[in-house]
Amino acid sequence: MADALTLGRLLLIPNTLDLGCIDPTAGAPPDLQEVLPLGAIQAAARLRHWVAENAKTTRAFLKRVEAITPLSAPLQSLDIQELPRPPKGGKPAAPGVERQAVEALLAPARSGHDIGLISEAGLPGVADPGAAVVQAAHRAGLTVLPLSGPSSLVLALAGSGLHGQSFAFVGYLPTDATQRAQRIRELEGTSRKAHQTQLVIETPYRNPAMWQALLQHLQPQTLLNVSCGLTLRGGFTRTDTVARWRQQALALPTDVPAVFSWLAA
């Protein structure tokens, strides 16, 4: 293992939650400084090597950074490598292949250069790809430096008023209606038994279907929160009992991310 003083670091760079959406009142994406600390923006501007979920959206992010502070090198010259994509058809990668591909992404750090890890929105490795790169960095003895920024899960939990001392993020629920209903009931039972808030997400175009499934299968006294478009203009977070939610119409957008959470009585 190389001397830690000669190695670069892996910086976990936070991204916004707006996915580059245009603010209609400004005709441009929201001001980066409204949601990201200046220190994170300046750190991003200094980096010349990146590991990204998506290279195109990373370049768009860096253009917004450049509007605030100069980049250390022209955008076209930056080294932006994408995370390995899972094999098609849901088949697992051959043993060792994914690990080798991930470790190859850290080559600049082994030569003394800092690398930025970034996802399309929020914090890399939290409900987003990137954990494998962080694990590889630890194996290689690299310094891992997570920088503060918005996480939709944490913001939703804080804004929900639900139990924040014990909670579980369980990702996506099954798309099959029968399997999804069963999973909702299982998670509600876990919430009741452990007094634990449950958080899930869904692909935005399925937001309405997820909402209706929760209203249908959760018990009336369960507290249910939906947090949609947090940090965006018009974003909101609302909590009520399932019984009261059933008495009011809520039209969720199909192009804005949402977090759903509940706490069973």
C-alpha atoms as a PDB file:
ATOM      1  CA  MET A   1       0.000   0.000   0.000  1.00  0.00           C
ATOM      2  CA  ALA A   2       1.323   3.423  -0.909  1.00  0.00           C
ATOM      3  CA  ASP A   3       2.159   5.987   1.744  1.00  0.00           C
ATOM      4  CA  ALA A   4      -1.032   7.859   2.671  1.00  0.00           C
ATOM      5  CA  LEU A   5       0.832  11.147   2.137  1.00  0.00           C
ATOM      6  CA  THR A   6       1.391  10.289  -1.537  1.00  0.00           C
ATOM      7  CA  LEU A   7      -2.181   9.205  -2.209  1.00  0.00           C
ATOM      8  CA  GLY A   8      -5.040  11.345  -3.369  1.00  0.00           C
ATOM      9  CA  ARG A   9      -8.370  11.452  -1.564  1.00  0.00           C
ATOM     10  CA  LEU A  10     -11.891  10.423  -2.512  1.00  0.00           C
ATOM     11  CA  LEU A  11     -14.235  13.386  -1.998  1.00  0.00           C
ATOM     12  CA  LEU A  12     -17.966  12.656  -1.830  1.00  0.00           C
ATOM     13  CA  ILE A  13     -19.445  15.700  -3.541  1.00  0.00           C
ATOM     14  CA  PRO A  14     -23.108  16.497  -2.823  1.00  0.00           C
ATOM     15  CA  ASN A  15     -25.361  17.377  -5.713  1.00  0.00           C
ATOM     16  CA  THR A  16     -28.616  19.315  -5.698  1.00  0.00           C
ATOM     17  CA  LEU A  17     -31.990  17.550  -5.677  1.00  0.00           C
ATOM     18  CA  ASP A  18     -33.386  19.555  -8.600  1.00  0.00           C
ATOM     19  CA  LEU A  19     -31.901  17.353 -11.377  1.00  0.00           C
ATOM     20  CA  GLY A  20     -31.132  20.536 -13.297  1.00  0.00           C
ATOM     21  CA  CYS A  21     -34.801  21.569 -13.507  1.00  0.00           C
ATOM     22  CA  ILE A  22     -35.392  25.090 -14.755  1.00  0.00           C
ATOM     23  CA  ASP A  23     -36.868  27.532 -12.257  1.00  0.00           C
ATOM     24  CA  PRO A  24     -39.647  29.149 -14.339  1.00  0.00           C
ATOM     25  CA  THR A  25     -39.286  32.465 -12.521  1.00  0.00           C
ATOM     26  CA  ALA A  26     -35.566  32.678 -13.305  1.00  0.00           C
ATOM     27  CA  GLY A  27     -35.331  30.797 -16.606  1.00  0.00           C
ATOM     28  CA  ALA A  28     -32.430  28.771 -15.193  1.00  0.00           C
ATOM     29  CA  PRO A  29     -31.763  26.084 -12.588  1.00  0.00           C
ATOM     30  CA  PRO A  30     -31.988  27.308  -8.974  1.00  0.00           C
ATOM     31  CA  ASP A  31     -28.949  29.058  -7.521  1.00  0.00           C
ATOM     32  CA  LEU A  32     -26.468  26.400  -6.426  1.00  0.00           C
ATOM     33  CA  GLN A  33     -25.552  28.378  -3.318  1.00  0.00           C
ATOM     34  CA  GLU A  34     -29.115  28.093  -2.017  1.00  0.00           C
ATOM     35  CA  VAL A  35     -28.706  24.358  -1.360  1.00  0.00           C
ATOM     36  CA  LEU A  36     -24.956  23.563  -1.319  1.00  0.00           C
ATOM     37  CA  PRO A  37     -22.341  24.887   1.129  1.00  0.00           C
ATOM     38  CA  LEU A  38     -19.720  27.142  -0.442  1.00  0.00           C
ATOM     39  CA  GLY A  39     -17.005  24.774   0.770  1.00  0.00           C
ATOM     40  CA  ALA A  40     -18.485  21.906  -1.257  1.00  0.00           C
ATOM     41  CA  ILE A  41     -18.762  24.119  -4.338  1.00  0.00           C
ATOM     42  CA  GLN A  42     -15.142  25.245  -4.014  1.00  0.00           C
ATOM     43  CA  ALA A  43     -13.957  21.670  -3.491  1.00  0.00           C
ATOM     44  CA  ALA A  44     -15.776  20.601  -6.664  1.00  0.00           C
ATOM     45  CA  ALA A  45     -14.151  23.432  -8.622  1.00  0.00           C
ATOM     46  CA  ARG A  46     -10.658  22.220  -7.652  1.00  0.00           C
ATOM     47  CA  LEU A  47     -11.131  18.627  -8.822  1.00  0.00           C
ATOM     48  CA  ARG A  48      -9.827  17.382 -12.164  1.00  0.00           C
ATOM     49  CA  HIS A  49     -10.843  13.721 -11.789  1.00  0.00           C
ATOM     50  CA  TRP A  50     -14.388  12.486 -11.267  1.00  0.00           C
ATOM     51  CA  VAL A  51     -16.307   9.251 -10.833  1.00  0.00           C
ATOM     52  CA  ALA A  52     -19.920   9.934 -11.745  1.00  0.00           C
ATOM     53  CA  GLU A  53     -23.263   8.218 -11.967  1.00  0.00           C
ATOM     54  CA  ASN A  54     -23.801  10.143 -15.202  1.00  0.00           C
ATOM     55  CA  ALA A  55     -21.117  12.129 -17.034  1.00  0.00           C
ATOM     56  CA  LYS A  56     -23.587  14.428 -18.814  1.00  0.00           C
ATOM     57  CA  THR A  57     -25.320  15.572 -15.625  1.00  0.00           C
ATOM     58  CA  THR A  58     -21.940  15.976 -13.928  1.00  0.00           C
ATOM     59  CA  ARG A  59     -20.838  18.394 -16.658  1.00  0.00           C
ATOM     60  CA  ALA A  60     -24.092  20.305 -16.198  1.00  0.00           C
ATOM     61  CA  PHE A  61     -23.402  20.456 -12.446  1.00  0.00           C
ATOM     62  CA  LEU A  62     -19.865  21.737 -13.053  1.00  0.00           C
ATOM     63  CA  LYS A  63     -21.183  24.488 -15.335  1.00  0.00           C
ATOM     64  CA  ARG A  64     -23.262  25.683 -12.386  1.00  0.00           C
ATOM     65  CA  VAL A  65     -20.165  25.480 -10.168  1.00  0.00           C
ATOM     66  CA  GLU A  66     -18.177  27.503 -12.703  1.00  0.00           C
ATOM     67  CA  ALA A  67     -20.771  30.279 -12.553  1.00  0.00           C
ATOM     68  CA  ILE A  68     -19.793  30.738  -8.888  1.00  0.00           C
ATOM     69  CA  THR A  69     -16.075  29.963  -8.796  1.00  0.00           C
ATOM     70  CA  PRO A  70     -13.565  29.200 -11.597  1.00  0.00           C
ATOM     71  CA  LEU A  71     -12.773  25.568 -12.320  1.00  0.00           C
ATOM     72  CA  SER A  72      -9.161  24.464 -11.943  1.00  0.00           C
ATOM     73  CA  ALA A  73      -9.128  23.370 -15.587  1.00  0.00           C
ATOM     74  CA  PRO A  74     -11.388  23.795 -18.635  1.00  0.00           C
ATOM     75  CA  LEU A  75     -14.504  21.651 -18.376  1.00  0.00           C
ATOM     76  CA  GLN A  76     -13.672  19.798 -21.606  1.00  0.00           C
ATOM     77  CA  SER A  77     -10.335  18.657 -20.188  1.00  0.00           C
ATOM     78  CA  LEU A  78     -11.693  17.161 -16.948  1.00  0.00           C
ATOM     79  CA  ASP A  79     -11.491  13.400 -16.511  1.00  0.00           C
ATOM     80  CA  ILE A  80     -15.048  12.158 -15.835  1.00  0.00           C
ATOM     81  CA  GLN A  81     -15.481   8.393 -15.585  1.00  0.00           C
ATOM     82  CA  GLU A  82     -18.868   6.765 -15.148  1.00  0.00           C
ATOM     83  CA  LEU A  83     -19.640   4.083 -12.582  1.00  0.00           C
ATOM     84  CA  PRO A  84     -19.952   0.575 -14.042  1.00  0.00           C
ATOM     85  CA  ARG A  85     -23.504  -0.210 -15.066  1.00  0.00           C
ATOM     86  CA  PRO A  86     -25.090  -3.518 -14.018  1.00  0.00           C
ATOM     87  CA  PRO A  87     -25.251  -6.196 -16.737  1.00  0.00           C
ATOM     88  CA  LYS A  88     -28.411  -6.224 -18.825  1.00  0.00           C
ATOM     89  CA  GLY A  89     -31.142  -8.638 -17.891  1.00  0.00           C
ATOM     90  CA  GLY A  90     -30.422  -8.372 -14.187  1.00  0.00           C
ATOM     91  CA  LYS A  91     -27.649 -10.957 -14.383  1.00  0.00           C
ATOM     92  CA  PRO A  92     -24.826 -10.570 -11.828  1.00  0.00           C
ATOM     93  CA  ALA A  93     -21.406  -9.571 -13.113  1.00  0.00           C
ATOM     94  CA  ALA A  94     -18.731 -12.254 -13.312  1.00  0.00           C
ATOM     95  CA  PRO A  95     -16.849 -12.678 -10.011  1.00  0.00           C
ATOM     96  CA  GLY A  96     -14.197 -10.004  -9.603  1.00  0.00           C
ATOM     97  CA  VAL A  97     -15.108  -8.112 -12.773  1.00  0.00           C
ATOM     98  CA  GLU A  98     -17.067  -5.339 -11.068  1.00  0.00           C
ATOM     99  CA  ARG A  99     -14.486  -5.036  -8.303  1.00  0.00           C
ATOM    100  CA  GLN A 100     -11.666  -4.639 -10.839  1.00  0.00           C
ATOM    101  CA  ALA A 101     -13.658  -2.044 -12.794  1.00  0.00           C
ATOM    102  CA  VAL A 102     -14.350  -0.035  -9.645  1.00  0.00           C
ATOM    103  CA  GLU A 103     -10.756  -0.182  -8.458  1.00  0.00           C
ATOM    104  CA  ALA A 104      -9.588   1.024 -11.869  1.00  0.00           C
ATOM    105  CA  LEU A 105     -11.596   4.207 -11.328  1.00  0.00           C
ATOM    106  CA  LEU A 106      -9.344   5.058  -8.384  1.00  0.00           C
ATOM    107  CA  ALA A 107      -6.125   5.039 -10.440  1.00  0.00           C
ATOM    108  CA  PRO A 108      -5.727   8.852 -10.294  1.00  0.00           C
ATOM    109  CA  ALA A 109      -5.841   8.765  -6.477  1.00  0.00           C
ATOM    110  CA  ARG A 110      -3.106   6.153  -6.385  1.00  0.00           C
ATOM    111  CA  SER A 111      -1.040   8.678  -8.371  1.00  0.00           C
ATOM    112  CA  GLY A 112      -1.708  11.433  -5.854  1.00  0.00           C
ATOM    113  CA  HIS A 113      -4.756  13.162  -7.360  1.00  0.00           C
ATOM    114  CA  ASP A 114      -8.007  13.829  -5.518  1.00  0.00           C
ATOM    115  CA  ILE A 115     -11.123  12.294  -7.065  1.00  0.00           C
ATOM    116  CA  GLY A 116     -14.701  13.495  -6.749  1.00  0.00           C
ATOM    117  CA  LEU A 117     -17.552  10.995  -6.467  1.00  0.00           C
ATOM    118  CA  ILE A 118     -20.945  12.385  -7.464  1.00  0.00           C
ATOM    119  CA  SER A 119     -24.439  11.088  -8.176  1.00  0.00           C
ATOM    120  CA  GLU A 120     -27.203  12.693 -10.208  1.00  0.00           C
ATOM    121  CA  ALA A 121     -28.867  14.097  -7.090  1.00  0.00           C
ATOM    122  CA  GLY A 122     -28.183  14.230  -3.371  1.00  0.00           C
ATOM    123  CA  LEU A 123     -25.361  12.360  -1.659  1.00  0.00           C
ATOM    124  CA  PRO A 124     -23.471   9.601  -3.478  1.00  0.00           C
ATOM    125  CA  GLY A 125     -23.887   6.191  -1.893  1.00  0.00           C
ATOM    126  CA  VAL A 126     -27.104   7.160  -0.063  1.00  0.00           C
ATOM    127  CA  ALA A 127     -30.076   5.813  -2.050  1.00  0.00           C
ATOM    128  CA  ASP A 128     -27.744   6.273  -5.026  1.00  0.00           C
ATOM    129  CA  PRO A 129     -24.789   4.386  -6.557  1.00  0.00           C
ATOM    130  CA  GLY A 130     -21.258   4.864  -5.268  1.00  0.00           C
ATOM    131  CA  ALA A 131     -20.875   2.656  -2.197  1.00  0.00           C
ATOM    132  CA  ALA A 132     -18.656   0.193  -4.078  1.00  0.00           C
ATOM    133  CA  VAL A 133     -16.221   3.006  -4.937  1.00  0.00           C
ATOM    134  CA  VAL A 134     -16.100   4.120  -1.309  1.00  0.00           C
ATOM    135  CA  GLN A 135     -15.405   0.538  -0.190  1.00  0.00           C
ATOM    136  CA  ALA A 136     -12.620   0.263  -2.750  1.00  0.00           C
ATOM    137  CA  ALA A 137     -11.136   3.532  -1.499  1.00  0.00           C
ATOM    138  CA  HIS A 138     -11.047   2.173   2.042  1.00  0.00           C
ATOM    139  CA  ARG A 139      -9.374  -1.026   0.837  1.00  0.00           C
ATOM    140  CA  ALA A 140      -6.746   1.068  -0.947  1.00  0.00           C
ATOM    141  CA  GLY A 141      -6.046   3.147   2.143  1.00  0.00           C
ATOM    142  CA  LEU A 142      -7.375   6.354   0.620  1.00  0.00           C
ATOM    143  CA  THR A 143      -8.778   9.144   2.724  1.00  0.00           C
ATOM    144  CA  VAL A 144     -12.546   9.348   2.205  1.00  0.00           C
ATOM    145  CA  LEU A 145     -13.982  12.817   2.741  1.00  0.00           C
ATOM    146  CA  PRO A 146     -17.798  13.157   2.634  1.00  0.00           C
ATOM    147  CA  LEU A 147     -18.927  16.758   2.200  1.00  0.00           C
ATOM    148  CA  SER A 148     -22.212  18.051   3.560  1.00  0.00           C
ATOM    149  CA  GLY A 149     -25.156  18.643   1.258  1.00  0.00           C
ATOM    150  CA  PRO A 150     -28.834  17.790   0.785  1.00  0.00           C
ATOM    151  CA  SER A 151     -30.157  14.252   1.232  1.00  0.00           C
ATOM    152  CA  SER A 152     -33.816  13.818   0.339  1.00  0.00           C
ATOM    153  CA  LEU A 153     -34.149  11.006   2.896  1.00  0.00           C
ATOM    154  CA  VAL A 154     -32.828  13.047   5.815  1.00  0.00           C
ATOM    155  CA  LEU A 155     -34.802  16.144   4.822  1.00  0.00           C
ATOM    156  CA  ALA A 156     -37.989  14.096   4.478  1.00  0.00           C
ATOM    157  CA  LEU A 157     -37.470  12.401   7.833  1.00  0.00           C
ATOM    158  CA  ALA A 158     -36.765  15.693   9.590  1.00  0.00           C
ATOM    159  CA  GLY A 159     -39.779  17.359   8.006  1.00  0.00           C
ATOM    160  CA  SER A 160     -42.160  14.488   8.683  1.00  0.00           C
ATOM    161  CA  GLY A 161     -42.332  14.786  12.447  1.00  0.00           C
ATOM    162  CA  LEU A 162     -42.156  10.990  12.616  1.00  0.00           C
ATOM    163  CA  HIS A 163     -39.788   9.008  14.831  1.00  0.00           C
ATOM    164  CA  GLY A 164     -36.249  10.152  13.961  1.00  0.00           C
ATOM    165  CA  GLN A 165     -34.464   8.088  16.613  1.00  0.00           C
ATOM    166  CA  SER A 166     -35.245   4.815  14.849  1.00  0.00           C
ATOM    167  CA  PHE A 167     -35.896   4.624  11.128  1.00  0.00           C
ATOM    168  CA  ALA A 168     -35.219   2.402   8.121  1.00  0.00           C
ATOM    169  CA  PHE A 169     -34.816   3.258   4.455  1.00  0.00           C
ATOM    170  CA  VAL A 170     -36.053   0.252   2.481  1.00  0.00           C
ATOM    171  CA  GLY A 171     -35.599   1.584  -1.045  1.00  0.00           C
ATOM    172  CA  TYR A 172     -38.110   0.646  -3.726  1.00  0.00           C
ATOM    173  CA  LEU A 173     -41.155  -1.549  -3.198  1.00  0.00           C
ATOM    174  CA  PRO A 174     -42.204  -4.250  -5.698  1.00  0.00           C
ATOM    175  CA  THR A 175     -44.011  -2.989  -8.799  1.00  0.00           C
ATOM    176  CA  ASP A 176     -46.360  -5.975  -8.813  1.00  0.00           C
ATOM    177  CA  ALA A 177     -49.525  -4.834  -7.014  1.00  0.00           C
ATOM    178  CA  THR A 178     -49.964  -7.992  -4.942  1.00  0.00           C
ATOM    179  CA  GLN A 179     -46.328  -8.143  -3.869  1.00  0.00           C
ATOM    180  CA  ARG A 180     -46.309  -4.418  -3.124  1.00  0.00           C
ATOM    181  CA  ALA A 181     -49.386  -4.709  -0.912  1.00  0.00           C
ATOM    182  CA  GLN A 182     -47.803  -7.561   1.024  1.00  0.00           C
ATOM    183  CA  ARG A 183     -44.580  -5.599   1.485  1.00  0.00           C
ATOM    184  CA  ILE A 184     -46.447  -2.511   2.712  1.00  0.00           C
ATOM    185  CA  ARG A 185     -48.236  -4.573   5.347  1.00  0.00           C
ATOM    186  CA  GLU A 186     -44.968  -6.239   6.410  1.00  0.00           C
ATOM    187  CA  LEU A 187     -43.249  -2.883   6.822  1.00  0.00           C
ATOM    188  CA  GLU A 188     -46.192  -1.469   8.727  1.00  0.00           C
ATOM    189  CA  GLY A 189     -45.941  -4.422  11.113  1.00  0.00           C
ATOM    190  CA  THR A 190     -42.234  -3.744  11.584  1.00  0.00           C
ATOM    191  CA  SER A 191     -42.959  -0.070  12.222  1.00  0.00           C
ATOM    192  CA  ARG A 192     -45.560  -0.915  14.853  1.00  0.00           C
ATOM    193  CA  LYS A 193     -43.451  -3.540  16.622  1.00  0.00           C
ATOM    194  CA  ALA A 194     -40.193  -1.538  16.672  1.00  0.00           C
ATOM    195  CA  HIS A 195     -41.704   1.978  16.764  1.00  0.00           C
ATOM    196  CA  GLN A 196     -39.618   2.624  13.663  1.00  0.00           C
ATOM    197  CA  THR A 197     -40.276   5.044  10.807  1.00  0.00           C
ATOM    198  CA  GLN A 198     -40.198   3.377   7.380  1.00  0.00           C
ATOM    199  CA  LEU A 199     -39.025   5.330   4.313  1.00  0.00           C
ATOM    200  CA  VAL A 200     -39.389   4.347   0.645  1.00  0.00           C
ATOM    201  CA  ILE A 201     -38.877   6.011  -2.705  1.00  0.00           C
ATOM    202  CA  GLU A 202     -40.305   5.403  -6.151  1.00  0.00           C
ATOM    203  CA  THR A 203     -39.561   6.280  -9.752  1.00  0.00           C
ATOM    204  CA  PRO A 204     -41.366   9.633 -10.163  1.00  0.00           C
ATOM    205  CA  TYR A 205     -43.807   8.464 -12.834  1.00  0.00           C
ATOM    206  CA  ARG A 206     -45.054   5.842 -10.355  1.00  0.00           C
ATOM    207  CA  ASN A 207     -45.630   8.353  -7.530  1.00  0.00           C
ATOM    208  CA  PRO A 208     -49.437   8.349  -7.866  1.00  0.00           C
ATOM    209  CA  ALA A 209     -49.615   4.546  -7.915  1.00  0.00           C
ATOM    210  CA  MET A 210     -47.409   4.294  -4.832  1.00  0.00           C
ATOM    211  CA  TRP A 211     -49.520   6.875  -3.007  1.00  0.00           C
ATOM    212  CA  GLN A 212     -52.756   5.034  -3.750  1.00  0.00           C
ATOM    213  CA  ALA A 213     -51.235   1.722  -2.657  1.00  0.00           C
ATOM    214  CA  LEU A 214     -50.172   3.210   0.680  1.00  0.00           C
ATOM    215  CA  LEU A 215     -53.610   4.706   1.256  1.00  0.00           C
ATOM    216  CA  GLN A 216     -55.233   1.386   0.435  1.00  0.00           C
ATOM    217  CA  HIS A 217     -53.063  -0.976   2.471  1.00  0.00           C
ATOM    218  CA  LEU A 218     -51.902   0.987   5.535  1.00  0.00           C
ATOM    219  CA  GLN A 219     -54.109   1.047   8.619  1.00  0.00           C
ATOM    220  CA  PRO A 220     -56.266   4.176   9.153  1.00  0.00           C
ATOM    221  CA  GLN A 221     -54.431   5.268  12.328  1.00  0.00           C
ATOM    222  CA  THR A 222     -50.951   5.025  10.785  1.00  0.00           C
ATOM    223  CA  LEU A 223     -49.185   8.374  10.300  1.00  0.00           C
ATOM    224  CA  LEU A 224     -48.192   8.838   6.658  1.00  0.00           C
ATOM    225  CA  ASN A 225     -45.903  11.498   5.203  1.00  0.00           C
ATOM    226  CA  VAL A 226     -45.120  12.473   1.632  1.00  0.00           C
ATOM    227  CA  SER A 227     -42.196  14.796   0.905  1.00  0.00           C
ATOM    228  CA  CYS A 228     -42.009  15.897  -2.720  1.00  0.00           C
ATOM    229  CA  GLY A 229     -39.517  18.119  -4.516  1.00  0.00           C
ATOM    230  CA  LEU A 230     -37.707  19.191  -1.362  1.00  0.00           C
ATOM    231  CA  THR A 231     -35.387  22.207  -1.922  1.00  0.00           C
ATOM    232  CA  LEU A 232     -37.273  22.961  -5.176  1.00  0.00           C
ATOM    233  CA  ARG A 233     -39.677  25.851  -5.577  1.00  0.00           C
ATOM    234  CA  GLY A 234     -43.102  24.409  -4.751  1.00  0.00           C
ATOM    235  CA  GLY A 235     -41.671  21.455  -2.831  1.00  0.00           C
ATOM    236  CA  PHE A 236     -43.609  20.292   0.216  1.00  0.00           C
ATOM    237  CA  THR A 237     -43.748  17.833   3.119  1.00  0.00           C
ATOM    238  CA  ARG A 238     -47.051  16.831   4.761  1.00  0.00           C
ATOM    239  CA  THR A 239     -47.989  14.323   7.456  1.00  0.00           C
ATOM    240  CA  ASP A 240     -51.442  13.088   8.468  1.00  0.00           C
ATOM    241  CA  THR A 241     -53.177   9.873   9.433  1.00  0.00           C
ATOM    242  CA  VAL A 242     -54.105   7.518   6.625  1.00  0.00           C
ATOM    243  CA  ALA A 243     -57.761   7.966   7.587  1.00  0.00           C
ATOM    244  CA  ARG A 244     -57.569  11.731   7.024  1.00  0.00           C
ATOM    245  CA  TRP A 245     -55.477  11.368   3.871  1.00  0.00           C
ATOM    246  CA  ARG A 246     -58.241   9.210   2.408  1.00  0.00           C
ATOM    247  CA  GLN A 247     -60.628  12.140   2.772  1.00  0.00           C
ATOM    248  CA  GLN A 248     -58.529  14.566   0.744  1.00  0.00           C
ATOM    249  CA  ALA A 249     -57.304  14.490  -2.824  1.00  0.00           C
ATOM    250  CA  LEU A 250     -53.575  14.789  -3.467  1.00  0.00           C
ATOM    251  CA  ALA A 251     -52.254  14.901  -7.016  1.00  0.00           C
ATOM    252  CA  LEU A 252     -48.579  14.004  -6.955  1.00  0.00           C
ATOM    253  CA  PRO A 253     -46.367  15.014  -9.894  1.00  0.00           C
ATOM    254  CA  THR A 254     -44.945  12.307 -12.119  1.00  0.00           C
ATOM    255  CA  ASP A 255     -41.680  14.100 -12.875  1.00  0.00           C
ATOM    256  CA  VAL A 256     -40.474  15.127  -9.404  1.00  0.00           C
ATOM    257  CA  PRO A 257     -38.889  12.738  -6.850  1.00  0.00           C
ATOM    258  CA  ALA A 258     -40.820  11.980  -3.669  1.00  0.00           C
ATOM    259  CA  VAL A 259     -40.082  10.208  -0.388  1.00  0.00           C
ATOM    260  CA  PHE A 260     -42.858   8.323   1.406  1.00  0.00           C
ATOM    261  CA  SER A 261     -42.635   7.517   5.112  1.00  0.00           C
ATOM    262  CA  TRP A 262     -44.938   6.172   7.783  1.00  0.00           C
ATOM    263  CA  LEU A 263     -45.096   5.309  11.455  1.00  0.00           C
ATOM    264  CA  ALA A 264     -47.635   2.781  12.686  1.00  0.00           C
ATOM    265  CA  ALA A 265     -49.539   3.409  15.907  1.00  0.00           C
END
